[in-house]
Amino acid sequence: MRGLLLGFGGLFLIACSCSSPSAQPTATAAPAPSEAAMVADGEPTAPVADGVAYFAGGCFWGVEHYMQELPGVISVESGYMGGHVESPSYEQVSSMTSGHLETVAVRFDPGRVSYEAVAKRFFEIHDPTQADGQGPDIGPEYRSAVFYGSPEQKQITEGLIERLRARGYDVVTEVRPAERFWKAEDYHQDYYARSGKTPYCHARVRRFGD
């Protein structure tokens, strides 16, 4: 969030720009939807098309926090996706030159919650009409995007966007195929759970009228 937060009385100066000993992100999931898999601690888990979703909606701390609250979600990891830099660091991503977006990998139980419900929650916890940022966090790494892992995920996502547009929302969320997911440094994981703080640029808004 860099210096953009000075206007908030300095209360959030460290948010998404905290300094910590450098650590290299871990590459996970990626190639073709039929083969893509999320990898945690070196072990493959659920295929992207059946239990993993990738979302970018501003600072990954807030997205991670609210996605973890959805029943049926097993785990959420903060990381980077969509850019050209291999094994990117937070500093590289925040420099706005890597092409990566701050992204979360959401692993969920399809028997308890559908992909549509997971994607719907994503659209409710960030502002999908804000371009090049989220709240006070401005920059290409904070863009809104859904990285789909299958044609079905793409179709469902586009359907949700059309529902929002029909309700008057000028949605700018990008819909892109999933690429390699790079897990962010450890100090970014479960930030709000560990710090006891509250997300400041994310909040749930029931945009679908139900």
N, C-alpha and C. Protein backbone atom coordinates (compact mmCIF):
# COMPACT_ATOMS: atom_id res chain seq x y z
N MET A 1 0.81 -1.19 0.00
CA MET A 1 0.00 0.00 0.00
C MET A 1 0.86 1.25 0.00
N ARG A 2 2.11 1.08 0.20
CA ARG A 2 3.09 2.13 0.05
C ARG A 2 2.64 3.46 0.65
N GLY A 3 3.14 4.58 0.11
CA GLY A 3 2.87 5.88 0.69
C GLY A 3 1.47 6.37 0.51
N LEU A 4 0.64 5.65 -0.23
CA LEU A 4 -0.72 6.09 -0.48
C LEU A 4 -1.56 6.13 0.78
N LEU A 5 -1.10 5.50 1.84
CA LEU A 5 -1.89 5.42 3.05
C LEU A 5 -1.60 6.53 4.04
N LEU A 6 -0.73 7.46 3.69
CA LEU A 6 -0.40 8.54 4.61
C LEU A 6 -1.61 9.38 4.95
N GLY A 7 -2.54 9.49 4.02
CA GLY A 7 -3.73 10.30 4.26
C GLY A 7 -4.66 9.70 5.28
N PHE A 8 -4.38 8.48 5.73
CA PHE A 8 -5.22 7.83 6.70
C PHE A 8 -4.61 7.91 8.10
N GLY A 9 -3.81 8.94 8.30
CA GLY A 9 -3.26 9.18 9.64
C GLY A 9 -2.17 8.20 10.01
N GLY A 10 -1.64 7.49 8.99
CA GLY A 10 -0.54 6.57 9.26
C GLY A 10 -0.96 5.28 9.92
N LEU A 11 -2.27 5.05 10.06
CA LEU A 11 -2.74 3.87 10.77
C LEU A 11 -2.40 2.58 10.03
N PHE A 12 -2.28 2.66 8.70
CA PHE A 12 -2.10 1.44 7.94
C PHE A 12 -0.83 1.48 7.09
N LEU A 13 0.16 2.16 7.55
CA LEU A 13 1.38 2.31 6.77
C LEU A 13 2.05 0.99 6.44
N ILE A 14 1.86 -0.03 7.29
CA ILE A 14 2.56 -1.27 7.03
C ILE A 14 1.72 -2.23 6.21
N ALA A 15 0.47 -1.91 5.97
CA ALA A 15 -0.41 -2.86 5.30
C ALA A 15 0.09 -3.17 3.91
N CYS A 16 0.23 -4.45 3.61
CA CYS A 16 0.66 -4.95 2.31
C CYS A 16 1.97 -4.32 1.86
N SER A 17 2.69 -3.65 2.73
CA SER A 17 4.01 -3.13 2.33
C SER A 17 4.98 -3.28 3.49
N CYS A 18 4.64 -4.22 4.39
CA CYS A 18 5.51 -4.42 5.54
C CYS A 18 6.84 -5.00 5.10
N SER A 19 7.88 -4.67 5.84
CA SER A 19 9.19 -5.19 5.52
C SER A 19 9.45 -6.41 6.38
N SER A 20 10.17 -7.34 5.81
CA SER A 20 10.48 -8.57 6.52
C SER A 20 11.67 -9.21 5.85
N PRO A 21 12.38 -10.10 6.55
CA PRO A 21 13.50 -10.78 5.90
C PRO A 21 13.02 -11.41 4.61
N SER A 22 13.78 -11.25 3.55
CA SER A 22 13.34 -11.74 2.24
C SER A 22 13.22 -13.25 2.24
N ALA A 23 12.22 -13.72 1.52
CA ALA A 23 12.02 -15.15 1.36
C ALA A 23 11.48 -15.37 -0.04
N GLN A 24 11.97 -16.37 -0.73
CA GLN A 24 11.54 -16.61 -2.09
C GLN A 24 10.19 -17.30 -2.10
N PRO A 25 9.25 -16.81 -2.94
CA PRO A 25 7.95 -17.43 -3.04
C PRO A 25 8.09 -18.84 -3.61
N THR A 26 7.10 -19.66 -3.36
CA THR A 26 7.10 -21.03 -3.84
C THR A 26 6.18 -21.16 -5.03
N ALA A 27 6.66 -21.75 -6.11
CA ALA A 27 5.81 -21.94 -7.29
C ALA A 27 4.83 -23.06 -7.02
N THR A 28 3.57 -22.86 -7.39
CA THR A 28 2.59 -23.93 -7.30
C THR A 28 1.81 -23.97 -8.59
N ALA A 29 0.75 -24.70 -8.58
CA ALA A 29 -0.20 -24.91 -9.66
C ALA A 29 0.06 -24.27 -10.99
N ALA A 30 -0.52 -24.84 -12.08
CA ALA A 30 -0.50 -24.02 -13.26
C ALA A 30 -0.90 -24.47 -14.63
N PRO A 31 -0.28 -25.38 -15.29
CA PRO A 31 -0.39 -25.46 -16.74
C PRO A 31 -1.78 -25.56 -17.31
N ALA A 32 -2.04 -26.58 -18.12
CA ALA A 32 -3.36 -26.70 -18.75
C ALA A 32 -4.39 -27.04 -17.70
N PRO A 33 -5.64 -26.55 -17.85
CA PRO A 33 -6.68 -26.81 -16.86
C PRO A 33 -6.83 -28.29 -16.52
N SER A 34 -6.65 -29.17 -17.52
CA SER A 34 -6.82 -30.59 -17.27
C SER A 34 -5.72 -31.17 -16.39
N GLU A 35 -4.57 -30.49 -16.34
CA GLU A 35 -3.44 -30.98 -15.57
C GLU A 35 -3.13 -30.12 -14.36
N ALA A 36 -3.72 -28.93 -14.32
CA ALA A 36 -3.35 -27.99 -13.26
C ALA A 36 -3.70 -28.53 -11.90
N ALA A 37 -2.83 -28.27 -10.93
CA ALA A 37 -3.08 -28.70 -9.56
C ALA A 37 -2.44 -27.70 -8.63
N MET A 38 -3.09 -27.51 -7.50
CA MET A 38 -2.51 -26.63 -6.49
C MET A 38 -1.54 -27.47 -5.68
N VAL A 39 -0.39 -26.91 -5.35
CA VAL A 39 0.61 -27.64 -4.60
C VAL A 39 0.86 -26.91 -3.29
N ALA A 40 0.75 -27.63 -2.20
CA ALA A 40 1.02 -27.05 -0.89
C ALA A 40 2.13 -27.85 -0.24
N ASP A 41 3.19 -27.19 0.17
CA ASP A 41 4.33 -27.85 0.80
C ASP A 41 4.87 -28.97 -0.09
N GLY A 42 4.85 -28.73 -1.39
CA GLY A 42 5.43 -29.69 -2.31
C GLY A 42 4.54 -30.86 -2.68
N GLU A 43 3.35 -30.95 -2.10
CA GLU A 43 2.47 -32.07 -2.39
C GLU A 43 1.26 -31.59 -3.19
N PRO A 44 0.94 -32.26 -4.31
CA PRO A 44 -0.23 -31.86 -5.10
C PRO A 44 -1.51 -32.16 -4.35
N THR A 45 -2.50 -31.32 -4.51
CA THR A 45 -3.80 -31.56 -3.88
C THR A 45 -4.87 -31.54 -4.95
N ALA A 46 -5.99 -30.85 -4.71
CA ALA A 46 -7.12 -30.91 -5.63
C ALA A 46 -6.82 -30.25 -6.97
N PRO A 47 -7.33 -30.82 -8.08
CA PRO A 47 -7.18 -30.17 -9.38
C PRO A 47 -7.85 -28.81 -9.38
N VAL A 48 -7.35 -27.90 -10.22
CA VAL A 48 -7.94 -26.57 -10.30
C VAL A 48 -9.42 -26.65 -10.63
N ALA A 49 -9.79 -27.53 -11.56
CA ALA A 49 -11.17 -27.60 -12.01
C ALA A 49 -12.09 -28.22 -10.97
N ASP A 50 -11.54 -28.78 -9.91
CA ASP A 50 -12.37 -29.47 -8.94
C ASP A 50 -11.91 -29.18 -7.52
N GLY A 51 -11.92 -27.93 -7.15
CA GLY A 51 -11.61 -27.60 -5.77
C GLY A 51 -10.58 -26.53 -5.54
N VAL A 52 -10.12 -25.84 -6.58
CA VAL A 52 -9.19 -24.74 -6.40
C VAL A 52 -9.62 -23.58 -7.29
N ALA A 53 -9.59 -22.37 -6.74
CA ALA A 53 -9.95 -21.17 -7.49
C ALA A 53 -8.92 -20.09 -7.20
N TYR A 54 -8.69 -19.23 -8.18
CA TYR A 54 -7.70 -18.16 -8.04
C TYR A 54 -8.36 -16.80 -8.28
N PHE A 55 -8.16 -15.90 -7.33
CA PHE A 55 -8.78 -14.58 -7.41
C PHE A 55 -7.77 -13.48 -7.06
N ALA A 56 -7.87 -12.36 -7.77
CA ALA A 56 -7.09 -11.17 -7.46
C ALA A 56 -8.06 -10.03 -7.24
N GLY A 57 -7.97 -9.39 -6.10
CA GLY A 57 -8.92 -8.31 -5.79
C GLY A 57 -8.33 -7.29 -4.83
N GLY A 58 -7.18 -6.74 -5.18
CA GLY A 58 -6.53 -5.80 -4.28
C GLY A 58 -5.57 -6.54 -3.36
N CYS A 59 -5.28 -5.94 -2.23
CA CYS A 59 -4.36 -6.55 -1.27
C CYS A 59 -4.82 -7.96 -0.92
N PHE A 60 -3.93 -8.94 -1.08
CA PHE A 60 -4.35 -10.31 -0.83
C PHE A 60 -4.68 -10.59 0.63
N TRP A 61 -4.21 -9.74 1.54
CA TRP A 61 -4.55 -9.96 2.95
C TRP A 61 -6.06 -9.96 3.18
N GLY A 62 -6.74 -8.95 2.64
CA GLY A 62 -8.18 -8.84 2.86
C GLY A 62 -8.96 -9.91 2.13
N VAL A 63 -8.57 -10.22 0.90
CA VAL A 63 -9.26 -11.26 0.13
C VAL A 63 -9.12 -12.60 0.84
N GLU A 64 -7.91 -12.90 1.28
CA GLU A 64 -7.66 -14.14 2.02
C GLU A 64 -8.55 -14.22 3.26
N HIS A 65 -8.60 -13.14 4.01
CA HIS A 65 -9.36 -13.10 5.25
C HIS A 65 -10.83 -13.45 5.04
N TYR A 66 -11.46 -12.80 4.08
CA TYR A 66 -12.90 -13.01 3.88
C TYR A 66 -13.22 -14.32 3.16
N MET A 67 -12.33 -14.78 2.30
CA MET A 67 -12.58 -16.06 1.65
C MET A 67 -12.48 -17.21 2.65
N GLN A 68 -11.61 -17.07 3.64
CA GLN A 68 -11.47 -18.11 4.65
C GLN A 68 -12.73 -18.29 5.49
N GLU A 69 -13.57 -17.26 5.53
CA GLU A 69 -14.78 -17.33 6.35
C GLU A 69 -15.91 -18.10 5.68
N LEU A 70 -15.79 -18.40 4.40
CA LEU A 70 -16.86 -19.08 3.68
C LEU A 70 -16.87 -20.57 4.03
N PRO A 71 -17.99 -21.10 4.54
CA PRO A 71 -18.07 -22.52 4.85
C PRO A 71 -17.77 -23.37 3.62
N GLY A 72 -16.96 -24.38 3.80
CA GLY A 72 -16.58 -25.23 2.69
C GLY A 72 -15.20 -24.92 2.14
N VAL A 73 -14.67 -23.74 2.49
CA VAL A 73 -13.31 -23.38 2.08
C VAL A 73 -12.34 -24.07 3.03
N ILE A 74 -11.38 -24.78 2.46
CA ILE A 74 -10.42 -25.55 3.25
C ILE A 74 -9.21 -24.71 3.63
N SER A 75 -8.69 -23.98 2.66
CA SER A 75 -7.51 -23.14 2.94
C SER A 75 -7.41 -22.05 1.88
N VAL A 76 -6.71 -20.98 2.24
CA VAL A 76 -6.46 -19.87 1.31
C VAL A 76 -5.00 -19.46 1.45
N GLU A 77 -4.32 -19.32 0.33
CA GLU A 77 -2.93 -18.89 0.34
C GLU A 77 -2.80 -17.60 -0.46
N SER A 78 -1.97 -16.69 0.02
CA SER A 78 -1.68 -15.46 -0.69
C SER A 78 -0.48 -15.68 -1.60
N GLY A 79 -0.54 -15.09 -2.79
CA GLY A 79 0.57 -15.26 -3.71
C GLY A 79 0.48 -14.33 -4.91
N TYR A 80 1.12 -14.74 -5.98
CA TYR A 80 1.21 -13.89 -7.17
C TYR A 80 0.92 -14.72 -8.42
N MET A 81 0.26 -14.08 -9.40
CA MET A 81 -0.05 -14.77 -10.64
C MET A 81 -0.21 -13.75 -11.77
N GLY A 82 0.05 -14.21 -12.97
CA GLY A 82 -0.25 -13.41 -14.15
C GLY A 82 0.89 -12.64 -14.76
N GLY A 83 2.07 -12.68 -14.14
CA GLY A 83 3.19 -11.89 -14.64
C GLY A 83 4.23 -12.70 -15.37
N HIS A 84 5.34 -12.05 -15.70
CA HIS A 84 6.40 -12.68 -16.47
C HIS A 84 7.65 -12.99 -15.66
N VAL A 85 7.67 -12.58 -14.40
CA VAL A 85 8.85 -12.79 -13.55
C VAL A 85 8.75 -14.14 -12.84
N GLU A 86 9.80 -14.94 -12.94
CA GLU A 86 9.84 -16.22 -12.25
C GLU A 86 10.13 -16.01 -10.77
N SER A 87 9.48 -16.77 -9.92
CA SER A 87 9.71 -16.72 -8.48
C SER A 87 9.77 -15.28 -7.97
N PRO A 88 8.72 -14.49 -8.20
CA PRO A 88 8.75 -13.07 -7.84
C PRO A 88 8.77 -12.84 -6.34
N SER A 89 9.44 -11.79 -5.93
CA SER A 89 9.40 -11.35 -4.54
C SER A 89 8.31 -10.29 -4.40
N TYR A 90 7.92 -10.01 -3.17
CA TYR A 90 6.92 -8.96 -2.95
C TYR A 90 7.44 -7.62 -3.48
N GLU A 91 8.72 -7.37 -3.30
CA GLU A 91 9.29 -6.11 -3.76
C GLU A 91 9.19 -5.99 -5.28
N GLN A 92 9.42 -7.09 -6.00
CA GLN A 92 9.30 -7.06 -7.45
C GLN A 92 7.86 -6.81 -7.89
N VAL A 93 6.92 -7.46 -7.22
CA VAL A 93 5.51 -7.29 -7.57
C VAL A 93 5.06 -5.86 -7.28
N SER A 94 5.45 -5.32 -6.14
CA SER A 94 5.02 -3.97 -5.77
C SER A 94 5.74 -2.90 -6.58
N SER A 95 6.77 -3.28 -7.32
CA SER A 95 7.45 -2.31 -8.17
C SER A 95 6.65 -2.01 -9.44
N MET A 96 5.59 -2.78 -9.66
CA MET A 96 4.68 -2.61 -10.80
C MET A 96 5.34 -2.93 -12.14
N THR A 97 6.40 -3.74 -12.12
CA THR A 97 7.09 -4.10 -13.35
C THR A 97 7.06 -5.60 -13.63
N SER A 98 6.53 -6.39 -12.70
CA SER A 98 6.57 -7.85 -12.85
C SER A 98 5.39 -8.39 -13.66
N GLY A 99 4.32 -7.61 -13.74
CA GLY A 99 3.12 -8.08 -14.41
C GLY A 99 2.22 -8.93 -13.54
N HIS A 100 2.70 -9.30 -12.35
CA HIS A 100 1.92 -10.15 -11.46
C HIS A 100 0.84 -9.36 -10.71
N LEU A 101 -0.23 -10.05 -10.36
CA LEU A 101 -1.28 -9.49 -9.52
C LEU A 101 -1.21 -10.19 -8.17
N GLU A 102 -1.53 -9.47 -7.11
CA GLU A 102 -1.65 -10.12 -5.80
C GLU A 102 -2.88 -11.02 -5.89
N THR A 103 -2.66 -12.30 -5.69
CA THR A 103 -3.68 -13.32 -5.96
C THR A 103 -3.80 -14.28 -4.79
N VAL A 104 -4.99 -14.81 -4.58
CA VAL A 104 -5.15 -15.86 -3.57
C VAL A 104 -5.56 -17.16 -4.25
N ALA A 105 -5.04 -18.26 -3.72
CA ALA A 105 -5.44 -19.59 -4.16
C ALA A 105 -6.39 -20.13 -3.10
N VAL A 106 -7.62 -20.40 -3.51
CA VAL A 106 -8.65 -20.86 -2.59
C VAL A 106 -8.91 -22.34 -2.83
N ARG A 107 -8.61 -23.17 -1.86
CA ARG A 107 -8.91 -24.60 -1.96
C ARG A 107 -10.20 -24.85 -1.20
N PHE A 108 -11.16 -25.48 -1.86
CA PHE A 108 -12.47 -25.69 -1.25
C PHE A 108 -12.97 -27.11 -1.51
N ASP A 109 -13.95 -27.52 -0.72
CA ASP A 109 -14.55 -28.84 -0.84
C ASP A 109 -15.78 -28.72 -1.73
N PRO A 110 -15.73 -29.23 -2.97
CA PRO A 110 -16.88 -29.11 -3.88
C PRO A 110 -18.14 -29.80 -3.35
N GLY A 111 -17.96 -30.71 -2.40
CA GLY A 111 -19.12 -31.37 -1.81
C GLY A 111 -19.86 -30.48 -0.81
N ARG A 112 -19.20 -29.41 -0.37
CA ARG A 112 -19.81 -28.51 0.61
C ARG A 112 -20.14 -27.14 0.03
N VAL A 113 -19.37 -26.72 -0.95
CA VAL A 113 -19.58 -25.39 -1.53
C VAL A 113 -19.21 -25.44 -3.01
N SER A 114 -20.02 -24.83 -3.85
CA SER A 114 -19.76 -24.84 -5.28
C SER A 114 -18.77 -23.76 -5.69
N TYR A 115 -18.18 -23.93 -6.87
CA TYR A 115 -17.31 -22.88 -7.39
C TYR A 115 -18.09 -21.58 -7.55
N GLU A 116 -19.33 -21.68 -7.98
CA GLU A 116 -20.14 -20.47 -8.16
C GLU A 116 -20.28 -19.70 -6.85
N ALA A 117 -20.50 -20.42 -5.75
CA ALA A 117 -20.64 -19.76 -4.45
C ALA A 117 -19.32 -19.12 -4.03
N VAL A 118 -18.21 -19.79 -4.33
CA VAL A 118 -16.90 -19.24 -3.98
C VAL A 118 -16.63 -17.97 -4.80
N ALA A 119 -16.90 -18.03 -6.11
CA ALA A 119 -16.68 -16.86 -6.96
C ALA A 119 -17.63 -15.72 -6.59
N LYS A 120 -18.83 -16.07 -6.24
CA LYS A 120 -19.81 -15.06 -5.84
C LYS A 120 -19.32 -14.32 -4.60
N ARG A 121 -18.77 -15.05 -3.64
CA ARG A 121 -18.23 -14.42 -2.44
C ARG A 121 -17.10 -13.46 -2.81
N PHE A 122 -16.26 -13.85 -3.76
CA PHE A 122 -15.18 -12.97 -4.20
C PHE A 122 -15.73 -11.64 -4.70
N PHE A 123 -16.77 -11.68 -5.51
CA PHE A 123 -17.35 -10.45 -6.05
C PHE A 123 -18.03 -9.60 -4.98
N GLU A 124 -18.36 -10.22 -3.86
CA GLU A 124 -19.02 -9.48 -2.78
C GLU A 124 -18.04 -8.86 -1.79
N ILE A 125 -16.79 -9.29 -1.79
CA ILE A 125 -15.85 -8.80 -0.77
C ILE A 125 -14.84 -7.79 -1.31
N HIS A 126 -14.94 -7.47 -2.59
CA HIS A 126 -14.10 -6.40 -3.14
C HIS A 126 -14.95 -5.63 -4.14
N ASP A 127 -14.45 -4.48 -4.57
CA ASP A 127 -15.20 -3.65 -5.52
C ASP A 127 -14.78 -4.01 -6.94
N PRO A 128 -15.61 -4.78 -7.67
CA PRO A 128 -15.23 -5.20 -9.02
C PRO A 128 -15.36 -4.10 -10.06
N THR A 129 -15.77 -2.90 -9.62
CA THR A 129 -15.90 -1.78 -10.57
C THR A 129 -14.70 -0.84 -10.52
N GLN A 130 -13.78 -1.06 -9.58
CA GLN A 130 -12.62 -0.18 -9.46
C GLN A 130 -11.47 -0.70 -10.31
N ALA A 131 -11.00 0.13 -11.22
CA ALA A 131 -9.90 -0.25 -12.10
C ALA A 131 -8.55 0.13 -11.48
N ASP A 132 -7.55 -0.69 -11.75
CA ASP A 132 -6.17 -0.41 -11.32
C ASP A 132 -6.01 -0.17 -9.83
N GLY A 133 -6.75 -0.89 -9.04
CA GLY A 133 -6.58 -0.75 -7.61
C GLY A 133 -7.77 -1.25 -6.83
N GLN A 134 -7.66 -1.15 -5.52
CA GLN A 134 -8.74 -1.52 -4.63
C GLN A 134 -8.63 -0.64 -3.39
N GLY A 135 -9.67 0.18 -3.19
CA GLY A 135 -9.61 1.12 -2.09
C GLY A 135 -8.45 2.07 -2.30
N PRO A 136 -7.64 2.29 -1.27
CA PRO A 136 -6.51 3.22 -1.40
C PRO A 136 -5.30 2.60 -2.08
N ASP A 137 -5.35 1.31 -2.38
CA ASP A 137 -4.21 0.63 -2.98
C ASP A 137 -4.30 0.74 -4.49
N ILE A 138 -3.47 1.59 -5.07
CA ILE A 138 -3.51 1.84 -6.50
C ILE A 138 -2.27 1.26 -7.18
N GLY A 139 -2.49 0.57 -8.28
CA GLY A 139 -1.39 0.00 -9.03
C GLY A 139 -1.85 -1.25 -9.76
N PRO A 140 -1.15 -1.64 -10.82
CA PRO A 140 -1.58 -2.79 -11.63
C PRO A 140 -1.59 -4.11 -10.86
N GLU A 141 -0.78 -4.20 -9.80
CA GLU A 141 -0.75 -5.45 -9.03
C GLU A 141 -2.00 -5.63 -8.18
N TYR A 142 -2.83 -4.58 -8.08
CA TYR A 142 -4.05 -4.65 -7.28
C TYR A 142 -5.31 -4.74 -8.13
N ARG A 143 -5.16 -5.06 -9.42
CA ARG A 143 -6.32 -5.15 -10.30
C ARG A 143 -7.21 -6.32 -9.91
N SER A 144 -8.48 -6.22 -10.31
CA SER A 144 -9.46 -7.27 -10.06
C SER A 144 -9.40 -8.29 -11.20
N ALA A 145 -9.26 -9.56 -10.86
CA ALA A 145 -9.20 -10.60 -11.88
C ALA A 145 -9.62 -11.95 -11.30
N VAL A 146 -10.21 -12.76 -12.17
CA VAL A 146 -10.47 -14.16 -11.85
C VAL A 146 -9.64 -14.98 -12.82
N PHE A 147 -8.82 -15.88 -12.28
CA PHE A 147 -8.01 -16.78 -13.10
C PHE A 147 -8.71 -18.13 -13.11
N TYR A 148 -9.31 -18.48 -14.22
CA TYR A 148 -10.10 -19.71 -14.27
C TYR A 148 -9.23 -20.92 -14.62
N GLY A 149 -9.62 -22.07 -14.06
CA GLY A 149 -8.88 -23.29 -14.29
C GLY A 149 -9.58 -24.28 -15.20
N SER A 150 -10.77 -23.93 -15.69
CA SER A 150 -11.51 -24.81 -16.58
C SER A 150 -12.54 -23.99 -17.35
N PRO A 151 -13.04 -24.51 -18.47
CA PRO A 151 -14.10 -23.81 -19.21
C PRO A 151 -15.33 -23.56 -18.34
N GLU A 152 -15.62 -24.49 -17.43
CA GLU A 152 -16.77 -24.32 -16.55
C GLU A 152 -16.58 -23.14 -15.60
N GLN A 153 -15.38 -23.02 -15.03
CA GLN A 153 -15.11 -21.89 -14.15
C GLN A 153 -15.23 -20.57 -14.92
N LYS A 154 -14.73 -20.56 -16.15
CA LYS A 154 -14.83 -19.36 -16.98
C LYS A 154 -16.29 -19.00 -17.24
N GLN A 155 -17.08 -19.99 -17.60
CA GLN A 155 -18.50 -19.74 -17.90
C GLN A 155 -19.24 -19.22 -16.68
N ILE A 156 -18.98 -19.83 -15.53
CA ILE A 156 -19.65 -19.40 -14.29
C ILE A 156 -19.25 -17.98 -13.94
N THR A 157 -17.98 -17.69 -14.05
CA THR A 157 -17.48 -16.34 -13.73
C THR A 157 -18.11 -15.30 -14.63
N GLU A 158 -18.15 -15.57 -15.92
CA GLU A 158 -18.74 -14.62 -16.86
C GLU A 158 -20.24 -14.45 -16.60
N GLY A 159 -20.89 -15.52 -16.17
CA GLY A 159 -22.31 -15.42 -15.83
C GLY A 159 -22.54 -14.52 -14.64
N LEU A 160 -21.68 -14.63 -13.63
CA LEU A 160 -21.80 -13.76 -12.46
C LEU A 160 -21.56 -12.30 -12.83
N ILE A 161 -20.59 -12.07 -13.71
CA ILE A 161 -20.32 -10.70 -14.14
C ILE A 161 -21.51 -10.12 -14.88
N GLU A 162 -22.15 -10.92 -15.73
CA GLU A 162 -23.33 -10.45 -16.45
C GLU A 162 -24.47 -10.13 -15.48
N ARG A 163 -24.62 -10.93 -14.44
CA ARG A 163 -25.65 -10.64 -13.43
C ARG A 163 -25.38 -9.30 -12.76
N LEU A 164 -24.13 -9.04 -12.45
CA LEU A 164 -23.78 -7.77 -11.81
C LEU A 164 -24.01 -6.60 -12.76
N ARG A 165 -23.63 -6.77 -14.01
CA ARG A 165 -23.84 -5.69 -14.98
C ARG A 165 -25.33 -5.41 -15.18
N ALA A 166 -26.14 -6.45 -15.13
CA ALA A 166 -27.58 -6.28 -15.26
C ALA A 166 -28.14 -5.50 -14.08
N ARG A 167 -27.44 -5.53 -12.96
CA ARG A 167 -27.86 -4.80 -11.77
C ARG A 167 -27.23 -3.40 -11.70
N GLY A 168 -26.53 -3.02 -12.78
CA GLY A 168 -26.00 -1.67 -12.85
C GLY A 168 -24.54 -1.50 -12.47
N TYR A 169 -23.85 -2.60 -12.21
CA TYR A 169 -22.43 -2.51 -11.84
C TYR A 169 -21.56 -2.52 -13.10
N ASP A 170 -20.68 -1.56 -13.22
CA ASP A 170 -19.75 -1.48 -14.35
C ASP A 170 -18.51 -2.30 -14.00
N VAL A 171 -18.63 -3.60 -14.13
CA VAL A 171 -17.57 -4.52 -13.70
C VAL A 171 -16.36 -4.44 -14.63
N VAL A 172 -15.18 -4.32 -14.02
CA VAL A 172 -13.94 -4.26 -14.80
C VAL A 172 -13.06 -5.49 -14.55
N THR A 173 -13.57 -6.43 -13.80
CA THR A 173 -12.80 -7.64 -13.46
C THR A 173 -12.34 -8.37 -14.71
N GLU A 174 -11.06 -8.69 -14.77
CA GLU A 174 -10.52 -9.45 -15.88
C GLU A 174 -10.80 -10.94 -15.67
N VAL A 175 -11.07 -11.66 -16.74
CA VAL A 175 -11.27 -13.11 -16.68
C VAL A 175 -10.17 -13.73 -17.53
N ARG A 176 -9.23 -14.40 -16.86
CA ARG A 176 -8.02 -14.88 -17.53
C ARG A 176 -7.75 -16.33 -17.16
N PRO A 177 -7.12 -17.08 -18.06
CA PRO A 177 -6.77 -18.47 -17.71
C PRO A 177 -5.74 -18.51 -16.60
N ALA A 178 -5.85 -19.51 -15.73
CA ALA A 178 -4.91 -19.65 -14.63
C ALA A 178 -3.51 -19.92 -15.16
N GLU A 179 -2.54 -19.30 -14.50
CA GLU A 179 -1.13 -19.52 -14.83
C GLU A 179 -0.44 -20.08 -13.59
N ARG A 180 0.87 -20.07 -13.60
CA ARG A 180 1.60 -20.57 -12.43
C ARG A 180 1.33 -19.66 -11.25
N PHE A 181 1.01 -20.27 -10.12
CA PHE A 181 0.77 -19.53 -8.88
C PHE A 181 2.03 -19.59 -8.03
N TRP A 182 2.50 -18.41 -7.65
CA TRP A 182 3.69 -18.32 -6.80
C TRP A 182 3.25 -17.92 -5.38
N LYS A 183 3.44 -18.81 -4.45
CA LYS A 183 3.06 -18.52 -3.07
C LYS A 183 3.91 -17.38 -2.53
N ALA A 184 3.25 -16.41 -1.87
CA ALA A 184 3.96 -15.26 -1.32
C ALA A 184 4.77 -15.64 -0.08
N GLU A 185 5.60 -14.73 0.34
CA GLU A 185 6.44 -14.93 1.51
C GLU A 185 5.60 -15.26 2.75
N ASP A 186 6.19 -15.98 3.67
CA ASP A 186 5.46 -16.46 4.85
C ASP A 186 4.79 -15.34 5.63
N TYR A 187 5.44 -14.17 5.70
CA TYR A 187 4.86 -13.11 6.53
C TYR A 187 3.58 -12.53 5.94
N HIS A 188 3.25 -12.91 4.70
CA HIS A 188 1.99 -12.47 4.10
C HIS A 188 0.84 -13.44 4.38
N GLN A 189 1.15 -14.65 4.81
CA GLN A 189 0.12 -15.66 4.99
C GLN A 189 -0.65 -15.44 6.30
N ASP A 190 -2.00 -15.53 6.20
CA ASP A 190 -2.87 -15.39 7.39
C ASP A 190 -2.57 -14.12 8.16
N TYR A 191 -2.33 -13.03 7.45
CA TYR A 191 -1.89 -11.80 8.10
C TYR A 191 -2.88 -11.31 9.15
N TYR A 192 -4.15 -11.21 8.80
CA TYR A 192 -5.11 -10.66 9.76
C TYR A 192 -5.38 -11.61 10.92
N ALA A 193 -5.35 -12.90 10.67
CA ALA A 193 -5.53 -13.86 11.76
C ALA A 193 -4.38 -13.75 12.75
N ARG A 194 -3.17 -13.53 12.25
CA ARG A 194 -2.00 -13.45 13.13
C ARG A 194 -1.88 -12.10 13.83
N SER A 195 -2.27 -11.03 13.13
CA SER A 195 -2.08 -9.69 13.69
C SER A 195 -3.24 -9.23 14.55
N GLY A 196 -4.41 -9.84 14.36
CA GLY A 196 -5.59 -9.40 15.10
C GLY A 196 -6.19 -8.12 14.56
N LYS A 197 -5.69 -7.65 13.43
CA LYS A 197 -6.21 -6.43 12.82
C LYS A 197 -7.42 -6.74 11.94
N THR A 198 -8.03 -5.68 11.41
CA THR A 198 -9.23 -5.82 10.59
C THR A 198 -8.98 -5.28 9.19
N PRO A 199 -9.43 -5.98 8.15
CA PRO A 199 -9.25 -5.47 6.78
C PRO A 199 -9.83 -4.07 6.63
N TYR A 200 -9.11 -3.20 5.94
CA TYR A 200 -9.54 -1.81 5.81
C TYR A 200 -10.00 -1.44 4.40
N CYS A 201 -9.70 -2.27 3.40
CA CYS A 201 -10.17 -1.93 2.05
C CYS A 201 -11.01 -3.05 1.45
N HIS A 202 -11.48 -3.96 2.29
CA HIS A 202 -12.40 -5.00 1.85
C HIS A 202 -13.54 -5.11 2.86
N ALA A 203 -14.72 -5.37 2.36
CA ALA A 203 -15.89 -5.57 3.20
C ALA A 203 -16.93 -6.30 2.35
N ARG A 204 -17.74 -7.11 2.96
CA ARG A 204 -18.75 -7.83 2.18
C ARG A 204 -19.94 -6.97 1.87
N VAL A 205 -20.30 -6.92 0.59
CA VAL A 205 -21.47 -6.19 0.12
C VAL A 205 -22.30 -7.18 -0.72
N ARG A 206 -23.54 -7.37 -0.37
CA ARG A 206 -24.39 -8.32 -1.10
C ARG A 206 -24.86 -7.70 -2.42
N ARG A 207 -24.06 -7.87 -3.44
CA ARG A 207 -24.31 -7.22 -4.72
C ARG A 207 -25.28 -7.97 -5.63
N PHE A 208 -25.62 -9.20 -5.28
CA PHE A 208 -26.46 -10.00 -6.17
C PHE A 208 -27.94 -9.95 -5.82
N GLY A 209 -28.29 -9.20 -4.78
CA GLY A 209 -29.69 -9.04 -4.44
C GLY A 209 -30.31 -10.23 -3.74
N ASP A 210 -29.48 -11.09 -3.15
CA ASP A 210 -30.02 -12.23 -2.40
C ASP A 210 -29.31 -12.37 -1.08
